[in-house]
């Protein structure tokens, strides 16, 4: 043994049995631990033995390093078997030298390490997989589920620990953390949305590492009512009188916002993303969305970009909204913040139902009402299809074509509310005209416009 001591560390040279290769036994100042330092080809590995520095432990560590060097010379060395506690980065690097991929056992990697990447290892699932999802809104939703729910519960658990029972416990913790529903269980739909994200991660890990471990979701599915099944919701449609009662129960400030929904058939993200420059030439150009404070120029599908004619009734609403807006967007909240569909739903919409004594229905049902009222007024279905951003009339028949008791009695009032110009023959729904065109990946043209003309 030859010793080399400098200000940084002490290195003791250790040779293989043949003397053809050598490594070092290392003592780092301040650590009190023994390390082995060796090369395998051009790959250098310095790993703690877990032993404290003593004469006995030096002999033990030296013997282990000699065994390692001998195995490397014979070509029988398996790094992860000898150094099971080494980093994932080193295990992967040695596996590459053997022309194979390294699959860590399921009990050696935590969910957080797989999702966000282990220190010094390869990038995690979030960067390698989720970041390449084509839908930006899905990326946002998945990241929120991971950070707010999944990693806070499962992050420190390894994949073998995430079994069916652990999953059932997790489901029972899924309650509201904000708003007036704090502590109450999330809806089955929200629970399933979160579980969809977790399942995507677990499936990816099992496939990537070829783990033969039970799928915890099999256990959950076998447990009846562990997660309530989705309840099929049929579109609700407002009668004219019910709609007026609901408007009357809302604060004056928010009535034009509710009317914007009904006069256009737009959804929350489209209303949130509606800019003043999207109003031009007597049309609203629906070509931008905003979800959770992020722009979303790619709408739900290639048919959603559309233009909606500005009727007299719609002009009246826009005059109010644009006139009081201090930003580039059409709709703002009463405190000057940009429109938030969650705030509108939780603080305005739900309160109005309670005040009016009306059975609750979702804000999305305003869109259903727009379609049903249009069909009741005998609007041409080709126009309605385009105005709503659908790709076929089949959706209109299947979703909105069901008979609504008494709606035909409201025809005159509905026409008066929507305005006689609502059924003008020149109403066309696709975005066109004085717009700047941007061709999207799928070949459909999305648009943006400049100026403000009402």
Protein backbone atom coordinates (compact mmCIF):
# COMPACT_ATOMS: atom_id res chain seq x y z
CA UNK A 1 0.00 0.00 0.00
CA UNK A 2 1.24 3.46 -0.87
CA UNK A 3 -0.18 6.54 0.82
CA UNK A 4 -0.69 9.99 -0.58
CA UNK A 5 -1.79 12.69 1.82
CA UNK A 6 -2.66 16.27 0.86
CA UNK A 7 -4.78 19.00 2.34
CA UNK A 8 -7.93 17.62 0.73
CA UNK A 9 -7.98 13.90 1.38
CA UNK A 10 -6.01 10.73 2.02
CA UNK A 11 -5.84 8.17 -0.80
CA UNK A 12 -4.59 4.61 -0.31
CA UNK A 13 -3.85 2.73 -3.53
CA UNK A 14 -5.42 -0.73 -3.76
CA UNK A 15 -4.51 -3.16 -6.56
CA UNK A 16 -6.40 -6.06 -8.07
CA UNK A 17 -5.17 -9.62 -7.43
CA UNK A 18 -3.38 -9.61 -10.79
CA UNK A 19 -1.91 -6.18 -10.27
CA UNK A 20 -3.21 -5.09 -13.69
CA UNK A 21 -5.64 -2.52 -12.30
CA UNK A 22 -5.91 -0.37 -9.22
CA UNK A 23 -8.23 1.90 -7.31
CA UNK A 24 -8.08 3.92 -4.13
CA UNK A 25 -9.37 3.75 -0.62
CA UNK A 26 -10.22 7.33 0.28
CA UNK A 27 -10.57 9.16 3.58
CA UNK A 28 -12.18 12.58 3.24
CA UNK A 29 -11.34 15.15 5.92
CA UNK A 30 -14.24 15.82 8.23
CA UNK A 31 -16.38 12.90 7.02
CA UNK A 32 -14.97 10.09 9.13
CA UNK A 33 -16.08 7.62 6.42
CA UNK A 34 -14.22 5.37 4.02
CA UNK A 35 -14.80 5.65 0.27
CA UNK A 36 -13.71 3.49 -2.66
CA UNK A 37 -12.60 5.21 -5.86
CA UNK A 38 -12.14 3.20 -9.05
CA UNK A 39 -12.43 3.34 -12.82
CA UNK A 40 -14.36 1.04 -15.09
CA UNK A 41 -13.14 2.00 -18.51
CA UNK A 42 -13.50 5.77 -18.57
CA UNK A 43 -16.25 5.79 -15.97
CA UNK A 44 -15.07 6.86 -12.54
CA UNK A 45 -16.99 5.86 -9.43
CA UNK A 46 -16.40 7.18 -5.93
CA UNK A 47 -18.75 5.63 -3.41
CA UNK A 48 -19.07 5.58 0.35
CA UNK A 49 -18.59 2.17 1.94
CA UNK A 50 -20.70 3.23 4.90
CA UNK A 51 -17.78 2.26 7.16
CA UNK A 52 -16.10 4.57 9.64
CA UNK A 53 -12.35 5.04 9.37
CA UNK A 54 -10.54 2.41 11.47
CA UNK A 55 -7.75 -0.08 10.83
CA UNK A 56 -10.22 -2.98 10.80
CA UNK A 57 -12.61 -1.23 8.43
CA UNK A 58 -9.78 -0.22 6.12
CA UNK A 59 -8.85 -3.88 5.73
CA UNK A 60 -12.49 -4.77 5.05
CA UNK A 61 -12.96 -1.96 2.50
CA UNK A 62 -9.66 -2.80 0.81
CA UNK A 63 -10.73 -6.42 0.38
CA UNK A 64 -14.03 -5.30 -1.12
CA UNK A 65 -12.31 -2.99 -3.60
CA UNK A 66 -9.91 -5.79 -4.64
CA UNK A 67 -12.92 -8.04 -5.27
CA UNK A 68 -14.51 -5.28 -7.38
CA UNK A 69 -11.35 -4.78 -9.47
CA UNK A 70 -11.02 -8.55 -10.02
CA UNK A 71 -14.66 -8.79 -11.19
CA UNK A 72 -14.15 -5.86 -13.60
CA UNK A 73 -11.11 -7.61 -15.11
CA UNK A 74 -13.07 -10.86 -15.52
CA UNK A 75 -16.11 -9.05 -16.99
CA UNK A 76 -18.45 -10.36 -14.28
CA UNK A 77 -18.93 -7.11 -12.36
CA UNK A 78 -22.55 -6.04 -11.64
CA UNK A 79 -22.47 -2.59 -10.10
CA UNK A 80 -25.95 -2.41 -8.57
CA UNK A 81 -25.50 -5.78 -6.83
CA UNK A 82 -22.33 -4.63 -5.08
CA UNK A 83 -23.36 -1.02 -4.48
CA UNK A 84 -27.12 -1.20 -4.02
CA UNK A 85 -27.16 2.13 -2.15
CA UNK A 86 -25.40 4.04 -4.94
CA UNK A 87 -27.11 6.88 -6.80
CA UNK A 88 -29.48 6.21 -9.67
CA UNK A 89 -27.11 8.18 -11.91
CA UNK A 90 -24.20 5.81 -11.23
CA UNK A 91 -26.35 2.70 -11.56
CA UNK A 92 -27.65 3.91 -14.90
CA UNK A 93 -24.14 4.77 -16.13
CA UNK A 94 -22.79 1.31 -15.26
CA UNK A 95 -25.82 -0.37 -16.85
CA UNK A 96 -25.01 1.45 -20.10
CA UNK A 97 -21.52 -0.07 -20.04
CA UNK A 98 -23.24 -3.47 -20.01
CA UNK A 99 -25.40 -2.36 -22.97
CA UNK A 100 -28.59 -2.52 -20.96
CA UNK A 101 -30.94 -0.11 -19.24
CA UNK A 102 -31.09 0.03 -15.48
CA UNK A 103 -34.43 -0.70 -13.88
CA UNK A 104 -34.41 0.27 -10.21
CA UNK A 105 -36.49 -2.01 -7.97
CA UNK A 106 -39.87 -0.44 -7.14
CA UNK A 107 -38.94 -0.09 -3.48
CA UNK A 108 -35.83 2.01 -4.23
CA UNK A 109 -37.40 4.98 -5.99
CA UNK A 110 -40.00 7.39 -4.61
CA UNK A 111 -42.87 8.85 -6.55
CA UNK A 112 -41.35 12.33 -6.31
CA UNK A 113 -38.02 11.07 -7.67
CA UNK A 114 -39.78 9.52 -10.63
CA UNK A 115 -41.96 12.56 -11.31
CA UNK A 116 -39.33 15.27 -10.82
CA UNK A 117 -36.11 13.31 -11.30
CA UNK A 118 -33.64 12.03 -8.72
CA UNK A 119 -30.67 14.22 -7.85
CA UNK A 120 -27.96 13.58 -10.39
CA UNK A 121 -30.20 11.22 -12.37
CA UNK A 122 -32.20 11.53 -15.54
CA UNK A 123 -35.06 13.98 -15.93
CA UNK A 124 -38.36 13.03 -14.32
CA UNK A 125 -41.70 12.09 -15.84
CA UNK A 126 -42.93 15.67 -15.61
CA UNK A 127 -40.13 16.93 -17.88
CA UNK A 128 -39.80 13.91 -20.18
CA UNK A 129 -43.48 13.08 -20.68
CA UNK A 130 -45.94 15.65 -19.34
CA UNK A 131 -44.13 18.63 -20.89
CA UNK A 132 -44.74 17.10 -24.32
CA UNK A 133 -48.52 16.77 -23.93
CA UNK A 134 -50.08 18.72 -26.83
CA UNK A 135 -52.74 20.31 -24.64
CA UNK A 136 -51.42 23.17 -22.54
CA UNK A 137 -54.54 23.17 -20.36
CA UNK A 138 -54.02 19.45 -19.64
CA UNK A 139 -50.43 20.17 -18.62
CA UNK A 140 -51.67 22.85 -16.23
CA UNK A 141 -54.34 20.55 -14.75
CA UNK A 142 -51.91 17.62 -14.37
CA UNK A 143 -49.23 19.79 -12.74
CA UNK A 144 -51.78 21.20 -10.32
CA UNK A 145 -52.99 17.72 -9.37
CA UNK A 146 -49.41 16.55 -8.88
CA UNK A 147 -48.30 19.51 -6.76
CA UNK A 148 -51.48 20.13 -4.76
CA UNK A 149 -52.62 16.58 -4.10
CA UNK A 150 -50.53 13.66 -5.31
CA UNK A 151 -46.96 14.55 -4.34
CA UNK A 152 -47.99 16.02 -0.99
CA UNK A 153 -49.47 12.61 -0.11
CA UNK A 154 -47.38 10.05 -2.02
CA UNK A 155 -44.16 11.98 -2.77
CA UNK A 156 -41.97 10.26 -0.15
CA UNK A 157 -43.47 6.80 -0.73
CA UNK A 158 -41.79 4.25 -3.00
CA UNK A 159 -43.74 2.43 -5.69
CA UNK A 160 -44.14 -0.76 -3.70
CA UNK A 161 -45.71 1.22 -0.86
CA UNK A 162 -48.28 2.76 -3.20
CA UNK A 163 -50.66 -0.19 -3.08
CA UNK A 164 -54.43 -0.49 -3.22
CA UNK A 165 -54.97 0.20 0.47
CA UNK A 166 -52.76 3.31 0.30
CA UNK A 167 -54.79 4.45 -2.69
CA UNK A 168 -58.07 3.97 -0.83
CA UNK A 169 -56.72 6.02 2.09
CA UNK A 170 -55.71 8.75 -0.36
CA UNK A 171 -59.17 8.89 -1.90
CA UNK A 172 -60.68 9.45 1.55
CA UNK A 173 -58.41 12.48 2.07
CA UNK A 174 -59.66 14.26 -1.05
CA UNK A 175 -61.70 17.08 0.41
CA UNK A 176 -62.18 20.75 -0.39
CA UNK A 177 -59.42 22.95 0.98
CA UNK A 178 -60.82 26.33 0.00
CA UNK A 179 -64.18 28.09 -0.42
CA UNK A 180 -67.18 27.51 1.83
CA UNK A 181 -67.01 23.74 1.20
CA UNK A 182 -63.78 23.28 3.22
CA UNK A 183 -63.56 19.77 4.64
CA UNK A 184 -66.34 18.32 2.50
CA UNK A 185 -65.46 15.47 0.07
CA UNK A 186 -64.62 16.42 -3.49
CA UNK A 187 -67.12 15.35 -6.13
CA UNK A 188 -66.58 11.96 -7.74
CA UNK A 189 -65.66 13.75 -10.97
CA UNK A 190 -62.91 15.77 -9.28
CA UNK A 191 -61.62 12.68 -7.47
CA UNK A 192 -61.43 10.76 -10.72
CA UNK A 193 -59.60 13.62 -12.42
CA UNK A 194 -56.90 13.50 -9.75
CA UNK A 195 -56.71 9.70 -9.87
CA UNK A 196 -56.32 9.85 -13.66
CA UNK A 197 -53.09 11.79 -13.20
CA UNK A 198 -51.77 9.38 -10.56
CA UNK A 199 -52.66 6.39 -12.73
CA UNK A 200 -50.78 7.91 -15.69
CA UNK A 201 -47.62 8.20 -13.59
CA UNK A 202 -47.88 4.71 -12.07
CA UNK A 203 -48.55 3.11 -15.45
CA UNK A 204 -45.58 4.91 -17.02
CA UNK A 205 -43.21 3.73 -14.29
CA UNK A 206 -44.39 0.11 -14.51
CA UNK A 207 -43.93 0.07 -18.27
CA UNK A 208 -40.61 1.92 -18.27
CA UNK A 209 -39.01 -0.34 -15.66
CA UNK A 210 -40.97 -3.51 -16.47
CA UNK A 211 -42.09 -3.87 -12.86
CA UNK A 212 -44.23 -6.90 -12.11
CA UNK A 213 -46.11 -5.35 -9.20
CA UNK A 214 -49.87 -5.23 -8.60
CA UNK A 215 -51.81 -2.33 -10.05
CA UNK A 216 -53.33 -0.51 -7.05
CA UNK A 217 -56.22 0.63 -9.22
CA UNK A 218 -57.34 -3.01 -9.63
CA UNK A 219 -57.92 -3.12 -5.89
CA UNK A 220 -59.77 0.19 -5.95
CA UNK A 221 -62.03 -0.88 -8.81
CA UNK A 222 -62.89 -4.09 -6.98
CA UNK A 223 -64.02 -2.09 -3.95
CA UNK A 224 -67.54 -0.97 -4.73
CA UNK A 225 -68.19 2.70 -4.02
CA UNK A 226 -64.53 3.39 -3.15
CA UNK A 227 -64.82 6.10 -5.79
CA UNK A 228 -68.41 7.01 -6.66
CA UNK A 229 -69.17 6.44 -10.30
CA UNK A 230 -69.75 9.42 -12.53
CA UNK A 231 -73.37 10.45 -12.67
CA UNK A 232 -74.46 11.13 -16.23
CA UNK A 233 -75.62 14.71 -16.46
CA UNK A 234 -78.17 15.72 -18.99
CA UNK A 235 -78.07 19.31 -20.22
CA UNK A 236 -80.26 21.65 -18.19
CA UNK A 237 -82.06 24.44 -20.01
CA UNK A 238 -83.47 27.58 -18.44
CA UNK A 239 -87.03 28.61 -19.03
CA UNK A 240 -87.28 32.32 -19.76
CA UNK A 241 -88.89 33.16 -16.41
CA UNK A 242 -86.30 31.16 -14.46
CA UNK A 243 -83.48 32.97 -16.26
CA UNK A 244 -84.97 36.36 -15.44
CA UNK A 245 -85.40 35.38 -11.79
CA UNK A 246 -81.76 34.27 -11.65
CA UNK A 247 -80.55 37.55 -13.19
CA UNK A 248 -82.63 39.53 -10.70
CA UNK A 249 -80.94 37.66 -7.82
CA UNK A 250 -77.46 38.61 -9.05
CA UNK A 251 -75.61 41.81 -8.12
CA UNK A 252 -76.15 44.44 -10.80
CA UNK A 253 -72.46 44.40 -11.72
CA UNK A 254 -72.53 40.75 -12.79
CA UNK A 255 -75.77 40.68 -14.77
CA UNK A 256 -74.13 41.81 -18.06
CA UNK A 257 -71.53 39.05 -17.64
CA UNK A 258 -74.23 36.40 -17.24
CA UNK A 259 -76.04 37.82 -20.26
CA UNK A 260 -72.85 37.69 -22.33
CA UNK A 261 -72.82 33.94 -21.80
CA UNK A 262 -76.44 33.50 -22.91
CA UNK A 263 -76.26 35.86 -25.89
CA UNK A 264 -73.16 34.15 -27.31
CA UNK A 265 -73.02 30.53 -26.10
CA UNK A 266 -69.42 31.11 -24.99
CA UNK A 267 -67.83 29.11 -22.16
CA UNK A 268 -65.89 30.39 -19.16
CA UNK A 269 -62.38 30.21 -20.64
CA UNK A 270 -63.57 32.00 -23.81
CA UNK A 271 -65.21 34.80 -21.84
CA UNK A 272 -62.06 35.12 -19.69
CA UNK A 273 -59.91 35.34 -22.83
CA UNK A 274 -62.13 37.75 -24.79
CA UNK A 275 -60.06 40.84 -25.65
CA UNK A 276 -61.20 44.23 -26.88
CA UNK A 277 -59.25 43.67 -30.07
CA UNK A 278 -61.38 40.56 -30.72
CA UNK A 279 -64.39 42.82 -31.39
CA UNK A 280 -64.28 44.04 -34.98
CA UNK A 281 -66.58 44.65 -37.92
CA UNK A 282 -69.75 43.87 -36.01
CA UNK A 283 -68.47 40.50 -34.80
CA UNK A 284 -66.99 38.89 -31.72
CA UNK A 285 -64.05 36.79 -32.87
CA UNK A 286 -63.75 33.86 -30.45
CA UNK A 287 -60.16 32.79 -30.90
CA UNK A 288 -58.52 33.11 -27.49
CA UNK A 289 -59.04 31.54 -24.09
CA UNK A 290 -57.63 32.10 -20.64
CA UNK A 291 -57.41 29.27 -18.12
CA UNK A 292 -56.03 29.80 -14.63
CA UNK A 293 -54.47 33.14 -15.62
CA UNK A 294 -52.72 31.70 -18.67
CA UNK A 295 -53.44 32.51 -22.31
CA UNK A 296 -54.73 29.68 -24.44
CA UNK A 297 -54.80 30.60 -28.12
CA UNK A 298 -55.49 26.97 -29.01
CA UNK A 299 -59.12 26.41 -28.14
CA UNK A 300 -60.83 23.12 -27.31
CA UNK A 301 -60.82 21.85 -30.89
CA UNK A 302 -60.25 23.07 -34.44
CA UNK A 303 -63.90 24.11 -34.82
CA UNK A 304 -64.05 26.35 -31.75
CA UNK A 305 -62.49 29.47 -33.35
CA UNK A 306 -65.58 31.27 -34.62
CA UNK A 307 -67.16 34.68 -34.98
CA UNK A 308 -70.42 35.71 -33.41
CA UNK A 309 -72.49 38.56 -34.91
CA UNK A 310 -73.12 41.43 -32.53
CA UNK A 311 -76.88 41.84 -32.20
CA UNK A 312 -78.49 44.89 -30.63
CA UNK A 313 -78.94 42.95 -27.38
CA UNK A 314 -75.31 41.84 -27.38
CA UNK A 315 -74.17 45.38 -28.24
CA UNK A 316 -75.97 46.69 -25.16
CA UNK A 317 -74.08 44.20 -22.97
CA UNK A 318 -70.72 44.88 -24.62
CA UNK A 319 -71.17 48.64 -24.21
CA UNK A 320 -71.34 48.12 -20.46
CA UNK A 321 -68.50 45.59 -20.22
CA UNK A 322 -66.06 47.42 -22.51
CA UNK A 323 -66.96 50.79 -21.06
CA UNK A 324 -65.96 49.81 -17.52
CA UNK A 325 -62.94 47.63 -18.37
CA UNK A 326 -59.54 49.16 -17.66
CA UNK A 327 -57.53 46.35 -19.28
CA UNK A 328 -57.14 44.83 -22.74
CA UNK A 329 -59.84 42.31 -21.86
CA UNK A 330 -63.58 42.81 -22.15
CA UNK A 331 -64.66 41.27 -18.84
CA UNK A 332 -63.40 42.16 -15.39
CA UNK A 333 -64.51 41.39 -11.84
CA UNK A 334 -65.99 44.04 -9.57
CA UNK A 335 -62.57 44.64 -7.92
CA UNK A 336 -60.84 45.33 -11.23
CA UNK A 337 -59.21 41.89 -11.48
CA UNK A 338 -59.47 40.00 -14.76
CA UNK A 339 -62.50 37.74 -15.06
CA UNK A 340 -62.19 34.54 -13.02
CA UNK A 341 -64.72 31.85 -13.86
CA UNK A 342 -64.09 30.10 -10.54
CA UNK A 343 -64.79 33.27 -8.58
CA UNK A 344 -67.89 33.97 -10.66
CA UNK A 345 -69.22 30.45 -10.08
CA UNK A 346 -68.44 30.26 -6.36
CA UNK A 347 -69.32 33.79 -5.28
CA UNK A 348 -71.95 35.02 -7.75
CA UNK A 349 -73.61 32.14 -9.56
CA UNK A 350 -74.23 29.84 -6.59
CA UNK A 351 -75.37 32.70 -4.36
CA UNK A 352 -77.92 33.82 -6.96
CA UNK A 353 -79.54 30.37 -7.00
CA UNK A 354 -79.90 30.38 -3.23
CA UNK A 355 -81.31 33.89 -3.19
CA UNK A 356 -83.80 33.10 -5.98
CA UNK A 357 -84.76 29.72 -4.51
CA UNK A 358 -84.02 27.96 -7.82
CA UNK A 359 -82.63 24.40 -8.08
CA UNK A 360 -78.91 24.67 -8.85
CA UNK A 361 -77.43 24.05 -12.29
CA UNK A 362 -73.93 24.65 -13.64
CA UNK A 363 -72.82 27.82 -15.48
CA UNK A 364 -72.09 25.57 -18.48
CA UNK A 365 -75.83 25.07 -18.82
CA UNK A 366 -76.11 28.64 -20.08
CA UNK A 367 -74.47 27.33 -23.25
CA UNK A 368 -77.05 24.55 -23.38
CA UNK A 369 -79.75 27.18 -22.97
CA UNK A 370 -78.29 29.23 -25.82
CA UNK A 371 -78.53 26.18 -28.09
CA UNK A 372 -82.03 25.17 -26.96
CA UNK A 373 -83.38 28.70 -27.28
CA UNK A 374 -81.85 29.02 -30.76
CA UNK A 375 -83.44 25.74 -31.84
CA UNK A 376 -86.77 26.81 -30.34
CA UNK A 377 -86.57 29.96 -32.48
CA UNK A 378 -85.97 27.69 -35.49
CA UNK A 379 -82.48 28.95 -36.23
CA UNK A 380 -80.86 27.18 -39.19
CA UNK A 381 -78.88 24.30 -37.68
CA UNK A 382 -75.91 24.86 -40.02
CA UNK A 383 -75.56 28.36 -38.58
CA UNK A 384 -76.02 27.18 -35.02
CA UNK A 385 -73.42 24.46 -35.51
CA UNK A 386 -70.87 27.09 -36.55
CA UNK A 387 -71.86 29.66 -33.94
CA UNK A 388 -71.30 27.09 -31.20
CA UNK A 389 -68.05 25.73 -32.64
CA UNK A 390 -69.27 22.16 -33.24
CA UNK A 391 -68.05 19.96 -36.07
CA UNK A 392 -71.44 18.46 -36.93
CA UNK A 393 -75.17 18.86 -36.33
CA UNK A 394 -75.24 15.46 -34.62
CA UNK A 395 -74.10 17.09 -31.37
CA UNK A 396 -77.01 19.51 -31.59
CA UNK A 397 -79.54 16.73 -32.04
CA UNK A 398 -78.10 14.41 -29.37
CA UNK A 399 -77.25 16.99 -26.72
CA UNK A 400 -79.71 19.83 -27.17
CA UNK A 401 -82.49 18.29 -29.25
CA UNK A 402 -84.44 16.81 -26.35
CA UNK A 403 -87.80 18.37 -25.69
CA UNK A 404 -87.91 20.92 -22.87
CA UNK A 405 -91.32 21.05 -21.24
CA UNK A 406 -92.99 24.42 -21.81
CA UNK A 407 -90.14 26.05 -23.71
CA UNK A 408 -92.35 26.63 -26.75
CA UNK A 409 -94.53 28.82 -24.55
CA UNK A 410 -91.56 31.17 -24.11
CA UNK A 411 -90.90 31.73 -27.82
CA UNK A 412 -92.11 35.32 -27.98
CA UNK A 413 -90.28 36.33 -24.82
CA UNK A 414 -87.09 34.57 -25.94
CA UNK A 415 -87.18 36.33 -29.33
CA UNK A 416 -87.77 39.68 -27.65
CA UNK A 417 -84.82 39.01 -25.29
CA UNK A 418 -82.41 37.79 -27.98
CA UNK A 419 -83.65 40.47 -30.40
CA UNK A 420 -85.22 40.26 -33.88
CA UNK A 421 -81.75 40.55 -35.47
CA UNK A 422 -80.70 37.31 -33.75
CA UNK A 423 -82.06 35.29 -36.69
CA UNK A 424 -80.71 37.45 -39.51
CA UNK A 425 -79.96 35.48 -42.65
CA UNK A 426 -76.36 36.75 -42.93
CA UNK A 427 -75.23 35.22 -39.62
CA UNK A 428 -72.19 33.10 -40.37
CA UNK A 429 -70.15 31.40 -37.74
CA UNK A 430 -66.62 30.76 -39.01
CA UNK A 431 -63.95 33.33 -38.24
CA UNK A 432 -63.13 35.41 -41.32
CA UNK A 433 -63.00 39.01 -42.51
CA UNK A 434 -60.49 41.63 -41.38
CA UNK A 435 -58.35 39.32 -39.30
CA UNK A 436 -54.68 38.43 -39.23
CA UNK A 437 -54.37 34.71 -39.86
CA UNK A 438 -52.18 32.26 -38.01
CA UNK A 439 -52.11 28.70 -39.35
CA UNK A 440 -52.06 26.20 -36.52
CA UNK A 441 -50.42 22.77 -36.51
CA UNK A 442 -53.54 20.91 -37.64
CA UNK A 443 -54.08 23.20 -40.61
CA UNK A 444 -57.07 25.08 -39.19
CA UNK A 445 -56.61 28.81 -39.10
CA UNK A 446 -56.77 30.59 -35.75
CA UNK A 447 -57.17 34.35 -35.80
CA UNK A 448 -56.53 37.53 -33.94
CA UNK A 449 -57.86 40.98 -34.76
CA UNK A 450 -57.02 44.58 -34.02
CA UNK A 451 -59.07 47.62 -33.12
CA UNK A 452 -62.41 48.00 -31.43
CA UNK A 453 -65.62 48.40 -33.41
CA UNK A 454 -68.99 47.98 -31.77
